[in-house]
Amino acid sequence: MLMQGFADAVDRIAASNGCTDIELFQVCRALGAPNVPSLLSLKDEGLPAYRVGSHWRIDCRSFRKWATGYTPYRPQTKPQTAYEGELF
């Protein structure tokens, strides 16, 4: 639910700018991140940020898709095994 709130905050920034493509420093303020490099550390987790010239940008639609589908903990599951005498 927390990531949903972040996606809503980014959407509000995009709406006030009048475009879906926003600067990453604006996202820092909305998410409470101290600076752009701290947010860029999430690129390994799939954050859809990209560079335009010397500035980092993000598309709010891609951010919403990433944020609402983001799961910080992915439990390791074992494949199910069939027991003797079990019918499929």
PDB file of N, CA and C in Angstrom:
ATOM      1  N   MET A   1       0.822  -1.187   0.000  1.00  0.00           N
ATOM      2  CA  MET A   1       0.000   0.000   0.000  1.00  0.00           C
ATOM      3  C   MET A   1       0.875   1.263   0.000  1.00  0.00           C
ATOM      4  N   LEU A   2       2.041   1.165   0.615  1.00  0.00           N
ATOM      5  CA  LEU A   2       2.949   2.305   0.660  1.00  0.00           C
ATOM      6  C   LEU A   2       3.394   2.701  -0.739  1.00  0.00           C
ATOM      7  N   MET A   3       3.705   1.727  -1.575  1.00  0.00           N
ATOM      8  CA  MET A   3       4.155   2.019  -2.934  1.00  0.00           C
ATOM      9  C   MET A   3       3.023   2.644  -3.753  1.00  0.00           C
ATOM     10  N   GLN A   4       1.789   2.283  -3.469  1.00  0.00           N
ATOM     11  CA  GLN A   4       0.636   2.902  -4.138  1.00  0.00           C
ATOM     12  C   GLN A   4       0.603   4.390  -3.838  1.00  0.00           C
ATOM     13  N   GLY A   5       0.889   4.755  -2.598  1.00  0.00           N
ATOM     14  CA  GLY A   5       0.942   6.161  -2.211  1.00  0.00           C
ATOM     15  C   GLY A   5       2.059   6.900  -2.920  1.00  0.00           C
ATOM     16  N   PHE A   6       3.206   6.239  -3.099  1.00  0.00           N
ATOM     17  CA  PHE A   6       4.308   6.849  -3.843  1.00  0.00           C
ATOM     18  C   PHE A   6       3.915   7.075  -5.299  1.00  0.00           C
ATOM     19  N   ALA A   7       3.256   6.095  -5.887  1.00  0.00           N
ATOM     20  CA  ALA A   7       2.815   6.235  -7.282  1.00  0.00           C
ATOM     21  C   ALA A   7       1.816   7.386  -7.408  1.00  0.00           C
ATOM     22  N   ASP A   8       0.936   7.541  -6.434  1.00  0.00           N
ATOM     23  CA  ASP A   8      -0.017   8.658  -6.448  1.00  0.00           C
ATOM     24  C   ASP A   8       0.703   9.999  -6.355  1.00  0.00           C
ATOM     25  N   ALA A   9       1.743  10.066  -5.511  1.00  0.00           N
ATOM     26  CA  ALA A   9       2.506  11.311  -5.362  1.00  0.00           C
ATOM     27  C   ALA A   9       3.209  11.676  -6.663  1.00  0.00           C
ATOM     28  N   VAL A  10       3.769  10.688  -7.341  1.00  0.00           N
ATOM     29  CA  VAL A  10       4.442  10.934  -8.625  1.00  0.00           C
ATOM     30  C   VAL A  10       3.424  11.365  -9.673  1.00  0.00           C
ATOM     31  N   ASP A  11       2.247  10.780  -9.659  1.00  0.00           N
ATOM     32  CA  ASP A  11       1.193  11.189 -10.598  1.00  0.00           C
ATOM     33  C   ASP A  11       0.765  12.640 -10.361  1.00  0.00           C
ATOM     34  N   ARG A  12       0.710  13.063  -9.096  1.00  0.00           N
ATOM     35  CA  ARG A  12       0.353  14.453  -8.798  1.00  0.00           C
ATOM     36  C   ARG A  12       1.409  15.419  -9.337  1.00  0.00           C
ATOM     37  N   ILE A  13       2.672  15.043  -9.227  1.00  0.00           N
ATOM     38  CA  ILE A  13       3.754  15.879  -9.779  1.00  0.00           C
ATOM     39  C   ILE A  13       3.609  15.987 -11.287  1.00  0.00           C
ATOM     40  N   ALA A  14       3.370  14.851 -11.938  1.00  0.00           N
ATOM     41  CA  ALA A  14       3.213  14.852 -13.391  1.00  0.00           C
ATOM     42  C   ALA A  14       2.012  15.693 -13.805  1.00  0.00           C
ATOM     43  N   ALA A  15       0.933  15.605 -13.057  1.00  0.00           N
ATOM     44  CA  ALA A  15      -0.262  16.397 -13.379  1.00  0.00           C
ATOM     45  C   ALA A  15       0.012  17.893 -13.239  1.00  0.00           C
ATOM     46  N   SER A  16       0.760  18.274 -12.212  1.00  0.00           N
ATOM     47  CA  SER A  16       1.055  19.697 -12.042  1.00  0.00           C
ATOM     48  C   SER A  16       2.018  20.206 -13.112  1.00  0.00           C
ATOM     49  N   ASN A  17       2.880  19.322 -13.628  1.00  0.00           N
ATOM     50  CA  ASN A  17       3.794  19.696 -14.719  1.00  0.00           C
ATOM     51  C   ASN A  17       3.107  19.672 -16.077  1.00  0.00           C
ATOM     52  N   GLY A  18       2.040  18.922 -16.179  1.00  0.00           N
ATOM     53  CA  GLY A  18       1.321  18.827 -17.444  1.00  0.00           C
ATOM     54  C   GLY A  18       1.913  17.827 -18.419  1.00  0.00           C
ATOM     55  N   CYS A  19       2.794  16.953 -17.933  1.00  0.00           N
ATOM     56  CA  CYS A  19       3.350  15.893 -18.796  1.00  0.00           C
ATOM     57  C   CYS A  19       3.689  14.679 -17.936  1.00  0.00           C
ATOM     58  N   THR A  20       3.818  13.537 -18.573  1.00  0.00           N
ATOM     59  CA  THR A  20       4.097  12.311 -17.826  1.00  0.00           C
ATOM     60  C   THR A  20       5.576  12.103 -17.569  1.00  0.00           C
ATOM     61  N   ASP A  21       6.418  12.807 -18.279  1.00  0.00           N
ATOM     62  CA  ASP A  21       7.862  12.675 -18.159  1.00  0.00           C
ATOM     63  C   ASP A  21       8.375  13.731 -17.186  1.00  0.00           C
ATOM     64  N   ILE A  22       8.897  13.313 -16.020  1.00  0.00           N
ATOM     65  CA  ILE A  22       9.318  14.279 -15.000  1.00  0.00           C
ATOM     66  C   ILE A  22      10.764  14.035 -14.580  1.00  0.00           C
ATOM     67  N   GLU A  23      11.371  15.067 -14.004  1.00  0.00           N
ATOM     68  CA  GLU A  23      12.748  14.985 -13.522  1.00  0.00           C
ATOM     69  C   GLU A  23      12.786  14.128 -12.254  1.00  0.00           C
ATOM     70  N   LEU A  24      13.859  13.374 -12.098  1.00  0.00           N
ATOM     71  CA  LEU A  24      13.969  12.477 -10.954  1.00  0.00           C
ATOM     72  C   LEU A  24      14.122  13.232  -9.634  1.00  0.00           C
ATOM     73  N   PHE A  25      14.691  14.431  -9.663  1.00  0.00           N
ATOM     74  CA  PHE A  25      14.822  15.189  -8.409  1.00  0.00           C
ATOM     75  C   PHE A  25      13.454  15.543  -7.839  1.00  0.00           C
ATOM     76  N   GLN A  26      12.433  15.687  -8.695  1.00  0.00           N
ATOM     77  CA  GLN A  26      11.086  15.969  -8.209  1.00  0.00           C
ATOM     78  C   GLN A  26      10.513  14.742  -7.499  1.00  0.00           C
ATOM     79  N   VAL A  27      10.876  13.576  -7.975  1.00  0.00           N
ATOM     80  CA  VAL A  27      10.422  12.339  -7.349  1.00  0.00           C
ATOM     81  C   VAL A  27      11.078  12.181  -5.978  1.00  0.00           C
ATOM     82  N   CYS A  28      12.324  12.638  -5.849  1.00  0.00           N
ATOM     83  CA  CYS A  28      13.019  12.571  -4.552  1.00  0.00           C
ATOM     84  C   CYS A  28      12.207  13.269  -3.473  1.00  0.00           C
ATOM     85  N   ARG A  29      11.743  14.463  -3.782  1.00  0.00           N
ATOM     86  CA  ARG A  29      10.958  15.217  -2.795  1.00  0.00           C
ATOM     87  C   ARG A  29       9.669  14.482  -2.442  1.00  0.00           C
ATOM     88  N   ALA A  30       9.017  13.930  -3.435  1.00  0.00           N
ATOM     89  CA  ALA A  30       7.737  13.243  -3.194  1.00  0.00           C
ATOM     90  C   ALA A  30       7.923  11.986  -2.348  1.00  0.00           C
ATOM     91  N   LEU A  31       9.032  11.278  -2.548  1.00  0.00           N
ATOM     92  CA  LEU A  31       9.259  10.018  -1.839  1.00  0.00           C
ATOM     93  C   LEU A  31      10.053  10.204  -0.554  1.00  0.00           C
ATOM     94  N   GLY A  32      10.548  11.416  -0.340  1.00  0.00           N
ATOM     95  CA  GLY A  32      11.333  11.667   0.863  1.00  0.00           C
ATOM     96  C   GLY A  32      12.758  11.148   0.756  1.00  0.00           C
ATOM     97  N   ALA A  33      13.238  10.913  -0.445  1.00  0.00           N
ATOM     98  CA  ALA A  33      14.617  10.456  -0.652  1.00  0.00           C
ATOM     99  C   ALA A  33      15.558  11.652  -0.534  1.00  0.00           C
ATOM    100  N   PRO A  34      16.751  11.450   0.000  1.00  0.00           N
ATOM    101  CA  PRO A  34      17.652  12.579   0.199  1.00  0.00           C
ATOM    102  C   PRO A  34      18.226  13.170  -1.090  1.00  0.00           C
ATOM    103  N   ASN A  35      18.428  12.330  -2.118  1.00  0.00           N
ATOM    104  CA  ASN A  35      19.018  12.836  -3.364  1.00  0.00           C
ATOM    105  C   ASN A  35      18.776  11.853  -4.512  1.00  0.00           C
ATOM    106  N   VAL A  36      19.131  12.268  -5.709  1.00  0.00           N
ATOM    107  CA  VAL A  36      18.913  11.443  -6.901  1.00  0.00           C
ATOM    108  C   VAL A  36      19.716  10.140  -6.849  1.00  0.00           C
ATOM    109  N   PRO A  37      21.007  10.149  -6.445  1.00  0.00           N
ATOM    110  CA  PRO A  37      21.744   8.879  -6.396  1.00  0.00           C
ATOM    111  C   PRO A  37      21.111   7.835  -5.478  1.00  0.00           C
ATOM    112  N   SER A  38      20.460   8.278  -4.411  1.00  0.00           N
ATOM    113  CA  SER A  38      19.787   7.306  -3.542  1.00  0.00           C
ATOM    114  C   SER A  38      18.632   6.630  -4.270  1.00  0.00           C
ATOM    115  N   LEU A  39      17.932   7.376  -5.108  1.00  0.00           N
ATOM    116  CA  LEU A  39      16.862   6.762  -5.908  1.00  0.00           C
ATOM    117  C   LEU A  39      17.433   5.885  -7.015  1.00  0.00           C
ATOM    118  N   LEU A  40      18.547   6.306  -7.593  1.00  0.00           N
ATOM    119  CA  LEU A  40      19.146   5.520  -8.672  1.00  0.00           C
ATOM    120  C   LEU A  40      19.628   4.167  -8.189  1.00  0.00           C
ATOM    121  N   SER A  41      19.839   4.016  -6.896  1.00  0.00           N
ATOM    122  CA  SER A  41      20.226   2.705  -6.372  1.00  0.00           C
ATOM    123  C   SER A  41      19.100   1.686  -6.552  1.00  0.00           C
ATOM    124  N   LEU A  42      17.876   2.172  -6.796  1.00  0.00           N
ATOM    125  CA  LEU A  42      16.742   1.268  -7.043  1.00  0.00           C
ATOM    126  C   LEU A  42      16.663   0.793  -8.489  1.00  0.00           C
ATOM    127  N   LYS A  43      17.555   1.281  -9.351  1.00  0.00           N
ATOM    128  CA  LYS A  43      17.557   0.812 -10.741  1.00  0.00           C
ATOM    129  C   LYS A  43      17.828  -0.678 -10.805  1.00  0.00           C
ATOM    130  N   ASP A  44      18.638  -1.199  -9.873  1.00  0.00           N
ATOM    131  CA  ASP A  44      18.890  -2.640  -9.825  1.00  0.00           C
ATOM    132  C   ASP A  44      17.624  -3.420  -9.498  1.00  0.00           C
ATOM    133  N   GLU A  45      16.689  -2.762  -8.843  1.00  0.00           N
ATOM    134  CA  GLU A  45      15.403  -3.381  -8.500  1.00  0.00           C
ATOM    135  C   GLU A  45      14.352  -3.148  -9.575  1.00  0.00           C
ATOM    136  N   GLY A  46      14.731  -2.440 -10.646  1.00  0.00           N
ATOM    137  CA  GLY A  46      13.813  -2.240 -11.755  1.00  0.00           C
ATOM    138  C   GLY A  46      13.237  -0.844 -11.905  1.00  0.00           C
ATOM    139  N   LEU A  47      13.699   0.118 -11.109  1.00  0.00           N
ATOM    140  CA  LEU A  47      13.198   1.478 -11.239  1.00  0.00           C
ATOM    141  C   LEU A  47      13.395   1.967 -12.665  1.00  0.00           C
ATOM    142  N   PRO A  48      12.326   2.399 -13.337  1.00  0.00           N
ATOM    143  CA  PRO A  48      12.424   2.760 -14.761  1.00  0.00           C
ATOM    144  C   PRO A  48      12.920   4.188 -15.007  1.00  0.00           C
ATOM    145  N   ALA A  49      14.082   4.525 -14.488  1.00  0.00           N
ATOM    146  CA  ALA A  49      14.663   5.856 -14.698  1.00  0.00           C
ATOM    147  C   ALA A  49      15.598   5.804 -15.902  1.00  0.00           C
ATOM    148  N   TYR A  50      15.687   6.909 -16.605  1.00  0.00           N
ATOM    149  CA  TYR A  50      16.585   6.975 -17.756  1.00  0.00           C
ATOM    150  C   TYR A  50      17.209   8.364 -17.817  1.00  0.00           C
ATOM    151  N   ARG A  51      18.318   8.438 -18.519  1.00  0.00           N
ATOM    152  CA  ARG A  51      19.089   9.676 -18.580  1.00  0.00           C
ATOM    153  C   ARG A  51      18.803  10.426 -19.873  1.00  0.00           C
ATOM    154  N   VAL A  52      18.577  11.736 -19.754  1.00  0.00           N
ATOM    155  CA  VAL A  52      18.409  12.627 -20.898  1.00  0.00           C
ATOM    156  C   VAL A  52      19.419  13.752 -20.697  1.00  0.00           C
ATOM    157  N   GLY A  53      20.484  13.728 -21.465  1.00  0.00           N
ATOM    158  CA  GLY A  53      21.541  14.713 -21.269  1.00  0.00           C
ATOM    159  C   GLY A  53      22.215  14.497 -19.935  1.00  0.00           C
ATOM    160  N   SER A  54      22.205  15.508 -19.096  1.00  0.00           N
ATOM    161  CA  SER A  54      22.818  15.381 -17.770  1.00  0.00           C
ATOM    162  C   SER A  54      21.771  15.146 -16.677  1.00  0.00           C
ATOM    163  N   HIS A  55      20.499  15.020 -17.050  1.00  0.00           N
ATOM    164  CA  HIS A  55      19.416  14.864 -16.072  1.00  0.00           C
ATOM    165  C   HIS A  55      18.825  13.463 -16.144  1.00  0.00           C
ATOM    166  N   TRP A  56      18.398  12.979 -14.994  1.00  0.00           N
ATOM    167  CA  TRP A  56      17.679  11.714 -14.921  1.00  0.00           C
ATOM    168  C   TRP A  56      16.189  12.007 -14.925  1.00  0.00           C
ATOM    169  N   ARG A  57      15.440  11.214 -15.667  1.00  0.00           N
ATOM    170  CA  ARG A  57      13.995  11.405 -15.790  1.00  0.00           C
ATOM    171  C   ARG A  57      13.291  10.074 -15.556  1.00  0.00           C
ATOM    172  N   ILE A  58      11.987  10.189 -15.348  1.00  0.00           N
ATOM    173  CA  ILE A  58      11.158   9.002 -15.168  1.00  0.00           C
ATOM    174  C   ILE A  58       9.781   9.300 -15.745  1.00  0.00           C
ATOM    175  N   ASP A  59       9.159   8.303 -16.323  1.00  0.00           N
ATOM    176  CA  ASP A  59       7.799   8.439 -16.831  1.00  0.00           C
ATOM    177  C   ASP A  59       6.863   7.956 -15.726  1.00  0.00           C
ATOM    178  N   CYS A  60       5.872   8.759 -15.380  1.00  0.00           N
ATOM    179  CA  CYS A  60       5.009   8.419 -14.248  1.00  0.00           C
ATOM    180  C   CYS A  60       4.225   7.126 -14.495  1.00  0.00           C
ATOM    181  N   ARG A  61       3.905   6.837 -15.761  1.00  0.00           N
ATOM    182  CA  ARG A  61       3.169   5.597 -16.056  1.00  0.00           C
ATOM    183  C   ARG A  61       4.039   4.380 -15.797  1.00  0.00           C
ATOM    184  N   SER A  62       5.305   4.458 -16.199  1.00  0.00           N
ATOM    185  CA  SER A  62       6.233   3.355 -15.938  1.00  0.00           C
ATOM    186  C   SER A  62       6.490   3.211 -14.450  1.00  0.00           C
ATOM    187  N   PHE A  63       6.576   4.359 -13.746  1.00  0.00           N
ATOM    188  CA  PHE A  63       6.798   4.310 -12.306  1.00  0.00           C
ATOM    189  C   PHE A  63       5.630   3.633 -11.606  1.00  0.00           C
ATOM    190  N   ARG A  64       4.401   3.984 -12.002  1.00  0.00           N
ATOM    191  CA  ARG A  64       3.225   3.352 -11.376  1.00  0.00           C
ATOM    192  C   ARG A  64       3.226   1.848 -11.612  1.00  0.00           C
ATOM    193  N   LYS A  65       3.541   1.439 -12.824  1.00  0.00           N
ATOM    194  CA  LYS A  65       3.575   0.008 -13.132  1.00  0.00           C
ATOM    195  C   LYS A  65       4.624  -0.688 -12.273  1.00  0.00           C
ATOM    196  N   TRP A  66       5.801  -0.064 -12.134  1.00  0.00           N
ATOM    197  CA  TRP A  66       6.863  -0.649 -11.320  1.00  0.00           C
ATOM    198  C   TRP A  66       6.487  -0.653  -9.844  1.00  0.00           C
ATOM    199  N   ALA A  67       5.968   0.474  -9.351  1.00  0.00           N
ATOM    200  CA  ALA A  67       5.688   0.610  -7.919  1.00  0.00           C
ATOM    201  C   ALA A  67       4.562  -0.306  -7.454  1.00  0.00           C
ATOM    202  N   THR A  68       3.540  -0.471  -8.255  1.00  0.00           N
ATOM    203  CA  THR A  68       2.419  -1.302  -7.814  1.00  0.00           C
ATOM    204  C   THR A  68       2.702  -2.784  -7.999  1.00  0.00           C
ATOM    205  N   GLY A  69       3.683  -3.110  -8.827  1.00  0.00           N
ATOM    206  CA  GLY A  69       4.048  -4.514  -8.997  1.00  0.00           C
ATOM    207  C   GLY A  69       5.297  -4.897  -8.233  1.00  0.00           C
ATOM    208  N   TYR A  70       5.889  -3.932  -7.499  1.00  0.00           N
ATOM    209  CA  TYR A  70       7.147  -4.153  -6.792  1.00  0.00           C
ATOM    210  C   TYR A  70       6.910  -4.949  -5.528  1.00  0.00           C
ATOM    211  N   THR A  71       7.665  -6.011  -5.346  1.00  0.00           N
ATOM    212  CA  THR A  71       7.620  -6.817  -4.140  1.00  0.00           C
ATOM    213  C   THR A  71       9.042  -6.902  -3.592  1.00  0.00           C
ATOM    214  N   PRO A  72       9.329  -6.209  -2.485  1.00  0.00           N
ATOM    215  CA  PRO A  72      10.696  -6.204  -1.990  1.00  0.00           C
ATOM    216  C   PRO A  72      11.164  -7.568  -1.498  1.00  0.00           C
ATOM    217  N   TYR A  73      10.256  -8.421  -1.062  1.00  0.00           N
ATOM    218  CA  TYR A  73      10.623  -9.740  -0.571  1.00  0.00           C
ATOM    219  C   TYR A  73       9.957 -10.787  -1.447  1.00  0.00           C
ATOM    220  N   ARG A  74      10.751 -11.585  -2.068  1.00  0.00           N
ATOM    221  CA  ARG A  74      10.212 -12.670  -2.892  1.00  0.00           C
ATOM    222  C   ARG A  74      10.600 -13.996  -2.249  1.00  0.00           C
ATOM    223  N   PRO A  75       9.660 -14.658  -1.605  1.00  0.00           N
ATOM    224  CA  PRO A  75      10.010 -15.910  -0.939  1.00  0.00           C
ATOM    225  C   PRO A  75      10.438 -16.969  -1.946  1.00  0.00           C
ATOM    226  N   GLN A  76      11.423 -17.737  -1.547  1.00  0.00           N
ATOM    227  CA  GLN A  76      11.891 -18.836  -2.386  1.00  0.00           C
ATOM    228  C   GLN A  76      10.917 -19.998  -2.233  1.00  0.00           C
ATOM    229  N   THR A  77      10.375 -20.447  -3.332  1.00  0.00           N
ATOM    230  CA  THR A  77       9.444 -21.566  -3.280  1.00  0.00           C
ATOM    231  C   THR A  77      10.117 -22.801  -3.847  1.00  0.00           C
ATOM    232  N   LYS A  78       9.784 -23.906  -3.260  1.00  0.00           N
ATOM    233  CA  LYS A  78      10.321 -25.177  -3.741  1.00  0.00           C
ATOM    234  C   LYS A  78       9.301 -25.797  -4.689  1.00  0.00           C
ATOM    235  N   PRO A  79       9.767 -26.480  -5.717  1.00  0.00           N
ATOM    236  CA  PRO A  79       8.803 -27.151  -6.590  1.00  0.00           C
ATOM    237  C   PRO A  79       8.095 -28.256  -5.810  1.00  0.00           C
ATOM    238  N   GLN A  80       6.821 -28.404  -6.102  1.00  0.00           N
ATOM    239  CA  GLN A  80       6.055 -29.434  -5.408  1.00  0.00           C
ATOM    240  C   GLN A  80       6.477 -30.808  -5.894  1.00  0.00           C
ATOM    241  N   THR A  81       6.521 -31.710  -4.956  1.00  0.00           N
ATOM    242  CA  THR A  81       6.869 -33.089  -5.298  1.00  0.00           C
ATOM    243  C   THR A  81       5.643 -33.962  -5.134  1.00  0.00           C
ATOM    244  N   ALA A  82       5.546 -34.943  -5.971  1.00  0.00           N
ATOM    245  CA  ALA A  82       4.427 -35.883  -5.884  1.00  0.00           C
ATOM    246  C   ALA A  82       4.796 -36.983  -4.891  1.00  0.00           C
ATOM    247  N   TYR A  83       3.847 -37.334  -4.039  1.00  0.00           N
ATOM    248  CA  TYR A  83       4.072 -38.391  -3.078  1.00  0.00           C
ATOM    249  C   TYR A  83       3.671 -39.719  -3.698  1.00  0.00           C
ATOM    250  N   GLU A  84       4.220 -40.794  -3.142  1.00  0.00           N
ATOM    251  CA  GLU A  84       3.899 -42.125  -3.679  1.00  0.00           C
ATOM    252  C   GLU A  84       2.402 -42.371  -3.531  1.00  0.00           C
ATOM    253  N   GLY A  85       1.824 -42.886  -4.586  1.00  0.00           N
ATOM    254  CA  GLY A  85       0.413 -43.230  -4.565  1.00  0.00           C
ATOM    255  C   GLY A  85      -0.498 -42.050  -4.832  1.00  0.00           C
ATOM    256  N   GLU A  86       0.045 -40.886  -5.092  1.00  0.00           N
ATOM    257  CA  GLU A  86      -0.778 -39.716  -5.338  1.00  0.00           C
ATOM    258  C   GLU A  86      -1.159 -39.660  -6.825  1.00  0.00           C
ATOM    259  N   LEU A  87      -2.410 -39.429  -7.074  1.00  0.00           N
ATOM    260  CA  LEU A  87      -2.900 -39.349  -8.453  1.00  0.00           C
ATOM    261  C   LEU A  87      -2.855 -37.921  -8.938  1.00  0.00           C
ATOM    262  N   PHE A  88      -2.607 -37.757 -10.209  1.00  0.00           N
ATOM    263  CA  PHE A  88      -2.590 -36.410 -10.802  1.00  0.00           C
ATOM    264  C   PHE A  88      -3.872 -36.121 -11.496  1.00  0.00           C
TER     265      PHE A  88
END
